[in-house]
Amino acid sequence: MEQLRKTVKNNKAHISADAAAVLLAPPLRSIQFTIPLRLDDGKLKMLRAYRTHHSLHRGPAKGGIRFHPSVTQEEVSDLATRMSMKCSLMNVPFGGGKGGVECDPGSLSPAELERVARGYVRGLGVGLMGAETDSLAPDAGTNEKLMAFMADEYAQLSQSGSSGAGVAAVTGKPIGLGGSRGRTKATARGAFLILERVLGNEATNPLGKSRASMSDGLTVAIQGYGNAGRYLAEMLVDAGCKVVAISDSKSGISNKNGLDPRAVWERKSKTGRVDGKKKDNNDDSNNNNEQEQKETEHAEEKQKQKQKQSKADKDGDKEGEQSDVHGADQRISNDELLTLDVDVLVPAALGDVITKDNADKVRAKIVLEVANGPVDADADEILHKNGVVVVPDVLANGGGVVVSYLEWAQNRQGVLWSESKVDKLLTRHMADAFKNTCEMFQEAKSSAKKKHGKEQEKEEKTEKDEKTEKTEKMEKQGTLRDAAYVVAVERIAAAIEGHA
């Protein structure tokens, strides 16, 4: 909301007073309820659950449902606002919604997770969700299997059956149960398409002509290795980029010669960590020596790998090869990954990972927000002042909601489109969103430049504090986030006027 307030304040010429009032108002409705969960051991646990509808002016609410221990009503409301912006920018006929359950999905059994999913739908009831009211989708901690349970529970409650409007009440489902082809990779595919266009446009590419395409030796670091991070890494490497660092919630690895995303994912699938280190479940002191011995052996192996790599460099092998997770990879923390000297930084995990405390340490020239809200408002300003182009989440990760819309549309029509058709439609939506954002971005920069020039002609002020004030005003104009929000808000304003 803070970022939205700043956008509205700095772009009054493009946003009407009525639209600003609607966007800055509290959400249309926020719901909080409790899910009684019977655990497998027979104990009863009460879970807090939330759902927010921010705006319904452009259509029914659309937004994910996340299972996470730190979910709060405030977070859900903020994400619902972002969804309003995202749906509008992507030009899909939805308003913004979001939901969450305060739980740790990693500590629950498959049967317990199913009970939570079904309990969430029962808590909302048929009056607050549905294809024309609020269509749910996956988010952090949820997946297509849980979406299938939610769709089934809704079908039973609404007696709508497993086709048409009934099944469209939930998207992100398995293909065999009404899902869409291309949905699994949609967020990653959308982010890839946007990055491709950012690089190809002089107005948005801070790297210059030497890094105008994916195949120009682009270096990338990715924080978060779930669906979006994994598939984006694969797409980037296939296009010629060098993914030099990857992290998840438990570990991180880097390699200056590039990582093999598929090998990293295979290791994560087996061990639950991108570094491949198996969790030690024994915590009695008798195992300490064995653990220390393993760590010593690992350190010795790393030293050998460093020596080999140094020799290879001296021999002129500067190209290197895509490594596997046993090569010359170095373990790094999530904080270290964010400050690596790379061309593109991709925060693809949770929100608020880049703040005023670490924004000045970010060395990447492009930050691609694949997660929702990974850069907070203070950090956004710092990055902009430092010349870093932040590609906002409402643009960068919009591929997911686009294909959710396509799934919703297929369900309503009772059809299943080919993956090539879905990809073609996704590409069209992403291209249009970038084009509209870029045009507004350039218009805002041009307007700010002219205004600044006129001020200089009127009076030449030499005092340092006055110069600093003018510079700060200029720096608040012309960000991609501002431009994307303006495009989105103008569309919502048009819908408000239409309804009036």
Foldseek 3Di string as FASTA:
>chain_A
DVQLVLLCVLPVVLFDPVLSCLLPDFAPDKDKDWFWFQAPVRDTDIKIKIKTFRDALQFAAEEEEAEEQPDDSVVQRVQQSLQQLLCLLLVFRHHGMYMYINHDLVVGDPVRLLSVLLSVLVVCAPVQFWLGHYAYEHDHHDAQVSLLSNLVSQCVRVVVDQFARSSLRYERHPVVSLYAPPLLAQLLLLLLLLVLVLLCDPLRAPVPPCRSGLQSAAEEEEEACDSNRLNNLQVSVVRHYADAKYFHPPWIKGDPLHADSVLQVVLCVVAVTSLNDHDDPDDDPVCVVVVVVVVVVLVVLLVVLVVVVVVCVVVVVPNDDHDHSSHNMDIDDPLVSQQDQGQEYEYQDEACCAEPVCLVSGNHQEYQDSYAHNYDPRSVLVSLVVNRAYQHNSLNRSSNVLSSSVSSVCRNVVHHDDNVVSSVSSSVSSVSSSVQLVVQLVVFLVVLVVVVVVVCVVDPDDDPVVVVVSVSSNSSIRHSVSSSSSSSSSSSVVSVVVVD
